[in-house]
């Protein structure tokens, strides 16, 4: 059964904007992060996701654990980090639509921290904030059936992966299939679903943005609970994905020369007539004047052929 949610104009606008960002990443040949940068991203992701759950280890301490150095900290916090390191080291091995892999990830993530890690609960649980029960999860006897339905949604539904990943994340938090570790599993599995959609999501700092917007994160979950559908959470999480993509674009966009831009643009437009506006759409970081200089340079060098005048000016690659 398809989980309840609506596709609003706000959600459609965010999906369109995210798709443009991914297109920009491809258009500018955003390089795969170097080993050192990938390591830093993984450390920040682990630290952010676990800090949301109350872990006290710093970036420096997590780095030390990665390098097999001794760290003085609560034993539970150290074990949480070591388990998370193992999971994120193996992140490409998990199939997003596999319940078996889902349980395997939870087993690694929560080993030594709870009884029966990697197994769905058969008891009743609730999420308590302060003295209030914020969320009462479905009965334990329903968990296996609900999770089976949710994974069938992943396998069969034609919804685009961006939305599907948000729906899965919310429904997982609503069902609360494990006695503990549901929050970190929701964030991890959304990343795994998105990685299947586009490889750039392996390096996306989604957890970092969620940590920065922790109050809004829990508010979006609560709003979805109250409305009986995932729509508010989808809207929130798409905004998080947009912000995370923008961070990647801003931090890793290579400094391109005019010749670099022209050669990149040629790959997708070598057989088509185009305008200066078409060129600007591909390179949003440059000004109209820079675009004009690039195109004039290309005409002068014989790379492009120009026709028309002023607003009607068109170009073709020679």
C-alpha atoms as a PDB file:
ATOM      1  CA  UNK A   1       0.000   0.000   0.000  1.00  0.00           C
ATOM      2  CA  UNK A   2       1.347   3.432  -0.968  1.00  0.00           C
ATOM      3  CA  UNK A   3       2.031   5.649   2.076  1.00  0.00           C
ATOM      4  CA  UNK A   4      -0.195   8.769   2.276  1.00  0.00           C
ATOM      5  CA  UNK A   5       1.266  12.057   0.981  1.00  0.00           C
ATOM      6  CA  UNK A   6       0.516  14.845  -1.506  1.00  0.00           C
ATOM      7  CA  UNK A   7       2.737  16.431  -4.155  1.00  0.00           C
ATOM      8  CA  UNK A   8       2.382  20.164  -3.510  1.00  0.00           C
ATOM      9  CA  UNK A   9       3.625  23.090  -5.678  1.00  0.00           C
ATOM     10  CA  UNK A  10       6.376  23.681  -3.093  1.00  0.00           C
ATOM     11  CA  UNK A  11       7.546  20.057  -3.395  1.00  0.00           C
ATOM     12  CA  UNK A  12       7.502  20.230  -7.212  1.00  0.00           C
ATOM     13  CA  UNK A  13       9.528  23.463  -7.136  1.00  0.00           C
ATOM     14  CA  UNK A  14      12.141  21.885  -4.837  1.00  0.00           C
ATOM     15  CA  UNK A  15      12.370  18.752  -7.009  1.00  0.00           C
ATOM     16  CA  UNK A  16      12.925  20.953 -10.067  1.00  0.00           C
ATOM     17  CA  UNK A  17      15.594  23.034  -8.283  1.00  0.00           C
ATOM     18  CA  UNK A  18      17.412  19.910  -7.043  1.00  0.00           C
ATOM     19  CA  UNK A  19      17.347  18.433 -10.553  1.00  0.00           C
ATOM     20  CA  UNK A  20      18.908  21.661 -11.867  1.00  0.00           C
ATOM     21  CA  UNK A  21      21.635  21.444  -9.225  1.00  0.00           C
ATOM     22  CA  UNK A  22      22.430  17.847 -10.197  1.00  0.00           C
ATOM     23  CA  UNK A  23      22.512  18.948 -13.834  1.00  0.00           C
ATOM     24  CA  UNK A  24      24.908  21.741 -12.901  1.00  0.00           C
ATOM     25  CA  UNK A  25      27.156  19.247 -11.138  1.00  0.00           C
ATOM     26  CA  UNK A  26      27.303  17.178 -14.330  1.00  0.00           C
ATOM     27  CA  UNK A  27      27.678  20.224 -16.594  1.00  0.00           C
ATOM     28  CA  UNK A  28      30.624  21.627 -14.684  1.00  0.00           C
ATOM     29  CA  UNK A  29      32.252  18.195 -14.335  1.00  0.00           C
ATOM     30  CA  UNK A  30      32.281  18.448 -10.558  1.00  0.00           C
ATOM     31  CA  UNK A  31      35.172  16.252  -9.582  1.00  0.00           C
ATOM     32  CA  UNK A  32      34.755  13.271  -7.298  1.00  0.00           C
ATOM     33  CA  UNK A  33      36.075  14.361  -3.902  1.00  0.00           C
ATOM     34  CA  UNK A  34      39.658  13.423  -3.204  1.00  0.00           C
ATOM     35  CA  UNK A  35      40.345  10.735  -0.599  1.00  0.00           C
ATOM     36  CA  UNK A  36      41.128  13.253   2.155  1.00  0.00           C
ATOM     37  CA  UNK A  37      37.990  15.298   1.492  1.00  0.00           C
ATOM     38  CA  UNK A  38      35.825  12.160   1.352  1.00  0.00           C
ATOM     39  CA  UNK A  39      37.270  11.133   4.710  1.00  0.00           C
ATOM     40  CA  UNK A  40      36.415  14.533   6.211  1.00  0.00           C
ATOM     41  CA  UNK A  41      32.867  14.353   4.837  1.00  0.00           C
ATOM     42  CA  UNK A  42      32.397  10.893   6.359  1.00  0.00           C
ATOM     43  CA  UNK A  43      33.671  12.065   9.755  1.00  0.00           C
ATOM     44  CA  UNK A  44      31.328  15.088   9.738  1.00  0.00           C
ATOM     45  CA  UNK A  45      28.380  12.911   8.650  1.00  0.00           C
ATOM     46  CA  UNK A  46      28.979  10.382  11.452  1.00  0.00           C
ATOM     47  CA  UNK A  47      29.506  13.097  14.055  1.00  0.00           C
ATOM     48  CA  UNK A  48      26.375  15.014  13.003  1.00  0.00           C
ATOM     49  CA  UNK A  49      24.070  11.983  12.854  1.00  0.00           C
ATOM     50  CA  UNK A  50      25.230  10.667  16.243  1.00  0.00           C
ATOM     51  CA  UNK A  51      25.208  14.076  17.927  1.00  0.00           C
ATOM     52  CA  UNK A  52      21.494  14.304  17.115  1.00  0.00           C
ATOM     53  CA  UNK A  53      21.118  11.113  19.180  1.00  0.00           C
ATOM     54  CA  UNK A  54      23.164  12.532  22.099  1.00  0.00           C
ATOM     55  CA  UNK A  55      26.668  11.290  21.278  1.00  0.00           C
ATOM     56  CA  UNK A  56      29.379  13.536  22.758  1.00  0.00           C
ATOM     57  CA  UNK A  57      32.423  12.731  20.591  1.00  0.00           C
ATOM     58  CA  UNK A  58      34.024  15.589  18.660  1.00  0.00           C
ATOM     59  CA  UNK A  59      35.287  15.596  15.088  1.00  0.00           C
ATOM     60  CA  UNK A  60      38.834  15.273  16.419  1.00  0.00           C
ATOM     61  CA  UNK A  61      37.960  12.239  18.550  1.00  0.00           C
ATOM     62  CA  UNK A  62      36.175  10.516  15.653  1.00  0.00           C
ATOM     63  CA  UNK A  63      39.208  11.198  13.449  1.00  0.00           C
ATOM     64  CA  UNK A  64      41.408   9.591  16.100  1.00  0.00           C
ATOM     65  CA  UNK A  65      39.187   6.492  16.197  1.00  0.00           C
ATOM     66  CA  UNK A  66      39.380   6.233  12.412  1.00  0.00           C
ATOM     67  CA  UNK A  67      43.157   6.240  12.771  1.00  0.00           C
ATOM     68  CA  UNK A  68      42.976   3.549  15.505  1.00  0.00           C
ATOM     69  CA  UNK A  69      44.171   5.954  18.194  1.00  0.00           C
ATOM     70  CA  UNK A  70      43.119   5.841  21.839  1.00  0.00           C
ATOM     71  CA  UNK A  71      40.268   8.147  22.821  1.00  0.00           C
ATOM     72  CA  UNK A  72      39.090   8.987  26.339  1.00  0.00           C
ATOM     73  CA  UNK A  73      35.294   9.203  26.252  1.00  0.00           C
ATOM     74  CA  UNK A  74      32.210   7.273  27.445  1.00  0.00           C
ATOM     75  CA  UNK A  75      32.447   3.654  26.278  1.00  0.00           C
ATOM     76  CA  UNK A  76      28.963   3.747  24.748  1.00  0.00           C
ATOM     77  CA  UNK A  77      29.806   6.844  22.677  1.00  0.00           C
ATOM     78  CA  UNK A  78      33.007   5.248  21.392  1.00  0.00           C
ATOM     79  CA  UNK A  79      31.180   2.070  20.406  1.00  0.00           C
ATOM     80  CA  UNK A  80      28.479   4.079  18.589  1.00  0.00           C
ATOM     81  CA  UNK A  81      31.156   5.805  16.528  1.00  0.00           C
ATOM     82  CA  UNK A  82      33.092   2.613  15.764  1.00  0.00           C
ATOM     83  CA  UNK A  83      29.879   0.925  14.606  1.00  0.00           C
ATOM     84  CA  UNK A  84      28.933   3.918  12.447  1.00  0.00           C
ATOM     85  CA  UNK A  85      32.395   3.937  10.847  1.00  0.00           C
ATOM     86  CA  UNK A  86      31.902   0.293   9.816  1.00  0.00           C
ATOM     87  CA  UNK A  87      28.482   1.021   8.306  1.00  0.00           C
ATOM     88  CA  UNK A  88      29.628   4.068   6.336  1.00  0.00           C
ATOM     89  CA  UNK A  89      32.713   2.161   5.133  1.00  0.00           C
ATOM     90  CA  UNK A  90      30.317  -0.431   3.649  1.00  0.00           C
ATOM     91  CA  UNK A  91      27.648   2.016   2.462  1.00  0.00           C
ATOM     92  CA  UNK A  92      27.925   1.038  -1.219  1.00  0.00           C
ATOM     93  CA  UNK A  93      27.251  -2.627  -0.382  1.00  0.00           C
ATOM     94  CA  UNK A  94      23.655  -2.040   0.764  1.00  0.00           C
ATOM     95  CA  UNK A  95      20.759  -2.546  -1.646  1.00  0.00           C
ATOM     96  CA  UNK A  96      18.115   0.087  -0.762  1.00  0.00           C
ATOM     97  CA  UNK A  97      15.123  -2.171  -1.483  1.00  0.00           C
ATOM     98  CA  UNK A  98      16.449  -5.115   0.570  1.00  0.00           C
ATOM     99  CA  UNK A  99      15.006  -5.705   4.057  1.00  0.00           C
ATOM    100  CA  UNK A 100      17.873  -8.140   4.646  1.00  0.00           C
ATOM    101  CA  UNK A 101      20.441  -5.399   3.972  1.00  0.00           C
ATOM    102  CA  UNK A 102      18.423  -2.961   6.072  1.00  0.00           C
ATOM    103  CA  UNK A 103      18.586  -5.313   9.053  1.00  0.00           C
ATOM    104  CA  UNK A 104      22.280  -6.001   8.373  1.00  0.00           C
ATOM    105  CA  UNK A 105      23.030  -2.277   8.540  1.00  0.00           C
ATOM    106  CA  UNK A 106      21.148  -1.963  11.837  1.00  0.00           C
ATOM    107  CA  UNK A 107      23.013  -4.976  13.237  1.00  0.00           C
ATOM    108  CA  UNK A 108      26.348  -3.294  12.503  1.00  0.00           C
ATOM    109  CA  UNK A 109      25.179   0.124  13.685  1.00  0.00           C
ATOM    110  CA  UNK A 110      23.742  -1.051  17.020  1.00  0.00           C
ATOM    111  CA  UNK A 111      25.871  -4.109  17.860  1.00  0.00           C
ATOM    112  CA  UNK A 112      26.765  -4.108  21.558  1.00  0.00           C
ATOM    113  CA  UNK A 113      24.414  -1.206  22.228  1.00  0.00           C
ATOM    114  CA  UNK A 114      21.021  -2.922  22.441  1.00  0.00           C
ATOM    115  CA  UNK A 115      19.625  -6.422  22.742  1.00  0.00           C
ATOM    116  CA  UNK A 116      18.873  -8.167  19.434  1.00  0.00           C
ATOM    117  CA  UNK A 117      20.285  -5.578  17.003  1.00  0.00           C
ATOM    118  CA  UNK A 118      19.183  -6.170  13.418  1.00  0.00           C
ATOM    119  CA  UNK A 119      15.800  -7.556  14.494  1.00  0.00           C
ATOM    120  CA  UNK A 120      12.427  -5.821  14.323  1.00  0.00           C
ATOM    121  CA  UNK A 121      10.788  -5.175  17.678  1.00  0.00           C
ATOM    122  CA  UNK A 122       7.778  -7.138  18.927  1.00  0.00           C
ATOM    123  CA  UNK A 123       7.168  -4.853  21.905  1.00  0.00           C
ATOM    124  CA  UNK A 124       5.408  -1.492  22.239  1.00  0.00           C
ATOM    125  CA  UNK A 125       7.514   1.692  22.040  1.00  0.00           C
ATOM    126  CA  UNK A 126       6.992   5.434  22.157  1.00  0.00           C
ATOM    127  CA  UNK A 127       9.143   8.513  21.652  1.00  0.00           C
ATOM    128  CA  UNK A 128       9.326  10.524  24.874  1.00  0.00           C
ATOM    129  CA  UNK A 129      10.418  14.165  24.981  1.00  0.00           C
ATOM    130  CA  UNK A 130      10.778  15.406  28.538  1.00  0.00           C
ATOM    131  CA  UNK A 131       7.725  14.122  30.411  1.00  0.00           C
ATOM    132  CA  UNK A 132       5.491  13.818  27.335  1.00  0.00           C
ATOM    133  CA  UNK A 133       5.014  10.937  24.892  1.00  0.00           C
ATOM    134  CA  UNK A 134       5.620  12.684  21.557  1.00  0.00           C
ATOM    135  CA  UNK A 135       4.939   9.689  19.338  1.00  0.00           C
ATOM    136  CA  UNK A 136       3.337   6.322  20.058  1.00  0.00           C
ATOM    137  CA  UNK A 137       4.550   3.831  17.446  1.00  0.00           C
ATOM    138  CA  UNK A 138       2.320   1.094  15.932  1.00  0.00           C
ATOM    139  CA  UNK A 139       2.050  -2.153  17.961  1.00  0.00           C
ATOM    140  CA  UNK A 140       4.989  -4.554  17.719  1.00  0.00           C
ATOM    141  CA  UNK A 141       2.806  -7.218  16.087  1.00  0.00           C
ATOM    142  CA  UNK A 142       2.303  -4.896  13.077  1.00  0.00           C
ATOM    143  CA  UNK A 143       5.942  -3.960  12.460  1.00  0.00           C
ATOM    144  CA  UNK A 144       6.957  -6.743  10.065  1.00  0.00           C
ATOM    145  CA  UNK A 145       3.887  -6.234   7.866  1.00  0.00           C
ATOM    146  CA  UNK A 146       4.306  -2.443   7.843  1.00  0.00           C
ATOM    147  CA  UNK A 147       7.993  -2.659   6.938  1.00  0.00           C
ATOM    148  CA  UNK A 148       7.251  -5.213   4.213  1.00  0.00           C
ATOM    149  CA  UNK A 149       4.708  -2.778   2.726  1.00  0.00           C
ATOM    150  CA  UNK A 150       7.244   0.062   2.954  1.00  0.00           C
ATOM    151  CA  UNK A 151       9.936  -1.906   1.129  1.00  0.00           C
ATOM    152  CA  UNK A 152       7.396  -2.959  -1.496  1.00  0.00           C
ATOM    153  CA  UNK A 153       6.723   0.764  -2.019  1.00  0.00           C
ATOM    154  CA  UNK A 154      10.455   1.233  -2.641  1.00  0.00           C
ATOM    155  CA  UNK A 155      10.516  -1.625  -5.143  1.00  0.00           C
ATOM    156  CA  UNK A 156       7.296  -1.002  -7.044  1.00  0.00           C
ATOM    157  CA  UNK A 157       6.183   2.613  -6.828  1.00  0.00           C
ATOM    158  CA  UNK A 158       6.948   4.819  -9.822  1.00  0.00           C
ATOM    159  CA  UNK A 159       7.493   7.910  -7.678  1.00  0.00           C
ATOM    160  CA  UNK A 160      10.782   9.725  -8.304  1.00  0.00           C
ATOM    161  CA  UNK A 161      13.608   8.669  -5.936  1.00  0.00           C
ATOM    162  CA  UNK A 162      13.962  12.152  -4.387  1.00  0.00           C
ATOM    163  CA  UNK A 163      10.412  12.009  -3.030  1.00  0.00           C
ATOM    164  CA  UNK A 164      10.525   8.285  -2.357  1.00  0.00           C
ATOM    165  CA  UNK A 165      13.598   8.686  -0.131  1.00  0.00           C
ATOM    166  CA  UNK A 166      11.815  11.317   1.986  1.00  0.00           C
ATOM    167  CA  UNK A 167       8.662   9.199   2.261  1.00  0.00           C
ATOM    168  CA  UNK A 168      10.715   6.192   3.369  1.00  0.00           C
ATOM    169  CA  UNK A 169      12.574   8.282   5.962  1.00  0.00           C
ATOM    170  CA  UNK A 170       9.337   9.577   7.477  1.00  0.00           C
ATOM    171  CA  UNK A 171       7.512   6.236   7.426  1.00  0.00           C
ATOM    172  CA  UNK A 172      10.502   4.551   9.073  1.00  0.00           C
ATOM    173  CA  UNK A 173      10.416   7.071  11.922  1.00  0.00           C
ATOM    174  CA  UNK A 174       6.632   6.638  12.220  1.00  0.00           C
ATOM    175  CA  UNK A 175       6.791   2.815  12.334  1.00  0.00           C
ATOM    176  CA  UNK A 176       9.868   2.832  14.597  1.00  0.00           C
ATOM    177  CA  UNK A 177      10.729  -0.783  13.675  1.00  0.00           C
ATOM    178  CA  UNK A 178      13.633  -1.163  16.131  1.00  0.00           C
ATOM    179  CA  UNK A 179      13.814  -0.659  19.872  1.00  0.00           C
ATOM    180  CA  UNK A 180      16.571   1.920  19.262  1.00  0.00           C
ATOM    181  CA  UNK A 181      18.580   3.376  16.385  1.00  0.00           C
ATOM    182  CA  UNK A 182      15.608   4.386  14.227  1.00  0.00           C
ATOM    183  CA  UNK A 183      16.705   8.011  13.761  1.00  0.00           C
ATOM    184  CA  UNK A 184      20.197   7.181  12.553  1.00  0.00           C
ATOM    185  CA  UNK A 185      18.801   4.367  10.350  1.00  0.00           C
ATOM    186  CA  UNK A 186      16.312   6.777   8.754  1.00  0.00           C
ATOM    187  CA  UNK A 187      19.058   9.230   7.832  1.00  0.00           C
ATOM    188  CA  UNK A 188      21.418   6.479   6.664  1.00  0.00           C
ATOM    189  CA  UNK A 189      18.830   4.704   4.508  1.00  0.00           C
ATOM    190  CA  UNK A 190      17.652   7.902   2.846  1.00  0.00           C
ATOM    191  CA  UNK A 191      21.246   8.469   1.745  1.00  0.00           C
ATOM    192  CA  UNK A 192      21.446   4.887   0.429  1.00  0.00           C
ATOM    193  CA  UNK A 193      18.227   5.340  -1.588  1.00  0.00           C
ATOM    194  CA  UNK A 194      19.519   8.622  -3.016  1.00  0.00           C
ATOM    195  CA  UNK A 195      22.897   7.077  -3.906  1.00  0.00           C
ATOM    196  CA  UNK A 196      21.058   4.637  -6.169  1.00  0.00           C
ATOM    197  CA  UNK A 197      19.528   7.683  -7.888  1.00  0.00           C
ATOM    198  CA  UNK A 198      22.807   9.593  -8.291  1.00  0.00           C
ATOM    199  CA  UNK A 199      26.335   8.813  -7.055  1.00  0.00           C
ATOM    200  CA  UNK A 200      26.907  12.393  -5.828  1.00  0.00           C
ATOM    201  CA  UNK A 201      24.674  11.674  -2.809  1.00  0.00           C
ATOM    202  CA  UNK A 202      27.388   9.483  -1.293  1.00  0.00           C
ATOM    203  CA  UNK A 203      29.312  12.690  -0.587  1.00  0.00           C
ATOM    204  CA  UNK A 204      26.359  14.884   0.312  1.00  0.00           C
ATOM    205  CA  UNK A 205      26.378  16.365   3.865  1.00  0.00           C
ATOM    206  CA  UNK A 206      22.662  15.764   4.504  1.00  0.00           C
ATOM    207  CA  UNK A 207      23.200  14.803   8.154  1.00  0.00           C
ATOM    208  CA  UNK A 208      25.183  17.996   8.745  1.00  0.00           C
ATOM    209  CA  UNK A 209      22.284  20.151   7.527  1.00  0.00           C
ATOM    210  CA  UNK A 210      19.795  18.127   9.603  1.00  0.00           C
ATOM    211  CA  UNK A 211      21.916  18.686  12.707  1.00  0.00           C
ATOM    212  CA  UNK A 212      21.930  22.437  12.025  1.00  0.00           C
ATOM    213  CA  UNK A 213      18.134  22.335  11.598  1.00  0.00           C
ATOM    214  CA  UNK A 214      17.425  19.796  14.328  1.00  0.00           C
ATOM    215  CA  UNK A 215      14.404  21.628  15.764  1.00  0.00           C
ATOM    216  CA  UNK A 216      12.882  21.985  12.294  1.00  0.00           C
ATOM    217  CA  UNK A 217      13.591  18.295  11.634  1.00  0.00           C
ATOM    218  CA  UNK A 218      11.594  17.143  14.659  1.00  0.00           C
ATOM    219  CA  UNK A 219       8.905  19.760  13.955  1.00  0.00           C
ATOM    220  CA  UNK A 220       8.465  18.393  10.405  1.00  0.00           C
ATOM    221  CA  UNK A 221       8.155  14.841  11.777  1.00  0.00           C
ATOM    222  CA  UNK A 222       5.555  16.047  14.301  1.00  0.00           C
ATOM    223  CA  UNK A 223       3.600  17.970  11.638  1.00  0.00           C
ATOM    224  CA  UNK A 224       3.455  14.862   9.463  1.00  0.00           C
ATOM    225  CA  UNK A 225       2.267  12.796  12.424  1.00  0.00           C
ATOM    226  CA  UNK A 226      -0.521  15.299  13.115  1.00  0.00           C
ATOM    227  CA  UNK A 227      -1.584  15.563   9.470  1.00  0.00           C
ATOM    228  CA  UNK A 228      -1.503  11.787   8.945  1.00  0.00           C
ATOM    229  CA  UNK A 229       0.714  12.057   5.881  1.00  0.00           C
ATOM    230  CA  UNK A 230       4.373  12.576   4.987  1.00  0.00           C
ATOM    231  CA  UNK A 231       3.873  15.831   3.035  1.00  0.00           C
ATOM    232  CA  UNK A 232       5.360  18.311   5.602  1.00  0.00           C
ATOM    233  CA  UNK A 233       8.399  16.074   6.102  1.00  0.00           C
ATOM    234  CA  UNK A 234       8.935  15.649   2.334  1.00  0.00           C
ATOM    235  CA  UNK A 235       8.926  19.434   1.936  1.00  0.00           C
ATOM    236  CA  UNK A 236      11.417  19.858   4.791  1.00  0.00           C
ATOM    237  CA  UNK A 237      13.803  17.115   3.651  1.00  0.00           C
ATOM    238  CA  UNK A 238      13.846  18.287   0.028  1.00  0.00           C
ATOM    239  CA  UNK A 239      14.929  21.680   1.397  1.00  0.00           C
ATOM    240  CA  UNK A 240      17.716  19.943   3.328  1.00  0.00           C
ATOM    241  CA  UNK A 241      18.848  18.102   0.178  1.00  0.00           C
ATOM    242  CA  UNK A 242      18.817  21.389  -1.751  1.00  0.00           C
ATOM    243  CA  UNK A 243      20.974  23.077   0.910  1.00  0.00           C
ATOM    244  CA  UNK A 244      23.392  20.132   1.017  1.00  0.00           C
ATOM    245  CA  UNK A 245      23.795  20.143  -2.776  1.00  0.00           C
ATOM    246  CA  UNK A 246      24.450  23.873  -2.684  1.00  0.00           C
ATOM    247  CA  UNK A 247      27.211  23.311  -0.121  1.00  0.00           C
ATOM    248  CA  UNK A 248      28.833  20.767  -2.420  1.00  0.00           C
ATOM    249  CA  UNK A 249      28.567  23.058  -5.433  1.00  0.00           C
ATOM    250  CA  UNK A 250      29.995  26.046  -3.570  1.00  0.00           C
ATOM    251  CA  UNK A 251      32.898  24.123  -2.037  1.00  0.00           C
ATOM    252  CA  UNK A 252      33.944  22.001  -4.984  1.00  0.00           C
ATOM    253  CA  UNK A 253      33.109  23.954  -8.120  1.00  0.00           C
ATOM    254  CA  UNK A 254      36.406  24.100 -10.057  1.00  0.00           C
ATOM    255  CA  UNK A 255      37.683  27.446 -11.336  1.00  0.00           C
ATOM    256  CA  UNK A 256      37.060  27.155 -15.076  1.00  0.00           C
ATOM    257  CA  UNK A 257      38.675  29.191 -17.846  1.00  0.00           C
ATOM    258  CA  UNK A 258      36.658  30.434 -20.826  1.00  0.00           C
ATOM    259  CA  UNK A 259      38.105  27.599 -22.910  1.00  0.00           C
ATOM    260  CA  UNK A 260      37.129  25.042 -20.211  1.00  0.00           C
ATOM    261  CA  UNK A 261      33.549  26.315 -20.235  1.00  0.00           C
ATOM    262  CA  UNK A 262      33.332  26.219 -24.007  1.00  0.00           C
ATOM    263  CA  UNK A 263      34.634  22.650 -24.219  1.00  0.00           C
ATOM    264  CA  UNK A 264      32.207  21.488 -21.507  1.00  0.00           C
ATOM    265  CA  UNK A 265      29.307  23.262 -23.229  1.00  0.00           C
ATOM    266  CA  UNK A 266      30.287  21.723 -26.572  1.00  0.00           C
ATOM    267  CA  UNK A 267      29.692  18.212 -25.215  1.00  0.00           C
ATOM    268  CA  UNK A 268      25.933  18.829 -25.016  1.00  0.00           C
ATOM    269  CA  UNK A 269      25.436  21.537 -27.665  1.00  0.00           C
ATOM    270  CA  UNK A 270      27.847  20.711 -30.502  1.00  0.00           C
ATOM    271  CA  UNK A 271      24.992  19.804 -32.859  1.00  0.00           C
ATOM    272  CA  UNK A 272      22.548  22.536 -31.794  1.00  0.00           C
ATOM    273  CA  UNK A 273      22.097  26.241 -32.391  1.00  0.00           C
ATOM    274  CA  UNK A 274      22.098  28.163 -29.098  1.00  0.00           C
ATOM    275  CA  UNK A 275      21.882  31.650 -27.593  1.00  0.00           C
ATOM    276  CA  UNK A 276      23.821  33.456 -24.879  1.00  0.00           C
ATOM    277  CA  UNK A 277      20.949  32.645 -22.491  1.00  0.00           C
ATOM    278  CA  UNK A 278      21.426  28.931 -23.165  1.00  0.00           C
ATOM    279  CA  UNK A 279      25.099  29.336 -22.299  1.00  0.00           C
ATOM    280  CA  UNK A 280      24.281  31.217 -19.089  1.00  0.00           C
ATOM    281  CA  UNK A 281      21.857  28.500 -17.968  1.00  0.00           C
ATOM    282  CA  UNK A 282      24.746  26.038 -17.991  1.00  0.00           C
ATOM    283  CA  UNK A 283      27.129  28.317 -16.062  1.00  0.00           C
ATOM    284  CA  UNK A 284      25.026  30.151 -13.500  1.00  0.00           C
ATOM    285  CA  UNK A 285      28.070  31.342 -11.575  1.00  0.00           C
ATOM    286  CA  UNK A 286      29.217  33.692 -14.386  1.00  0.00           C
ATOM    287  CA  UNK A 287      27.805  37.097 -15.341  1.00  0.00           C
ATOM    288  CA  UNK A 288      26.187  38.066 -18.644  1.00  0.00           C
ATOM    289  CA  UNK A 289      29.312  40.076 -19.498  1.00  0.00           C
ATOM    290  CA  UNK A 290      31.556  37.035 -18.913  1.00  0.00           C
ATOM    291  CA  UNK A 291      29.283  34.927 -21.112  1.00  0.00           C
ATOM    292  CA  UNK A 292      29.504  37.539 -23.887  1.00  0.00           C
ATOM    293  CA  UNK A 293      33.311  37.584 -23.621  1.00  0.00           C
ATOM    294  CA  UNK A 294      33.452  33.774 -23.786  1.00  0.00           C
ATOM    295  CA  UNK A 295      31.305  33.691 -26.913  1.00  0.00           C
ATOM    296  CA  UNK A 296      33.212  36.543 -28.603  1.00  0.00           C
ATOM    297  CA  UNK A 297      36.486  34.741 -27.861  1.00  0.00           C
ATOM    298  CA  UNK A 298      35.085  31.549 -29.413  1.00  0.00           C
ATOM    299  CA  UNK A 299      33.934  33.391 -32.551  1.00  0.00           C
ATOM    300  CA  UNK A 300      37.314  35.161 -32.918  1.00  0.00           C
ATOM    301  CA  UNK A 301      39.143  31.838 -32.501  1.00  0.00           C
ATOM    302  CA  UNK A 302      36.955  30.076 -35.051  1.00  0.00           C
ATOM    303  CA  UNK A 303      35.425  27.745 -32.433  1.00  0.00           C
ATOM    304  CA  UNK A 304      31.927  29.170 -32.992  1.00  0.00           C
ATOM    305  CA  UNK A 305      30.007  30.539 -35.942  1.00  0.00           C
ATOM    306  CA  UNK A 306      27.753  33.532 -35.237  1.00  0.00           C
ATOM    307  CA  UNK A 307      24.511  34.522 -36.966  1.00  0.00           C
ATOM    308  CA  UNK A 308      21.854  37.168 -36.322  1.00  0.00           C
ATOM    309  CA  UNK A 309      22.187  40.335 -34.264  1.00  0.00           C
ATOM    310  CA  UNK A 310      21.480  41.526 -30.700  1.00  0.00           C
ATOM    311  CA  UNK A 311      18.695  39.450 -29.091  1.00  0.00           C
ATOM    312  CA  UNK A 312      18.440  37.278 -32.195  1.00  0.00           C
ATOM    313  CA  UNK A 313      22.130  36.306 -32.095  1.00  0.00           C
ATOM    314  CA  UNK A 314      22.684  32.568 -32.373  1.00  0.00           C
ATOM    315  CA  UNK A 315      25.788  30.404 -32.295  1.00  0.00           C
ATOM    316  CA  UNK A 316      26.892  27.050 -33.695  1.00  0.00           C
ATOM    317  CA  UNK A 317      30.049  25.063 -33.040  1.00  0.00           C
ATOM    318  CA  UNK A 318      32.252  24.683 -36.132  1.00  0.00           C
END
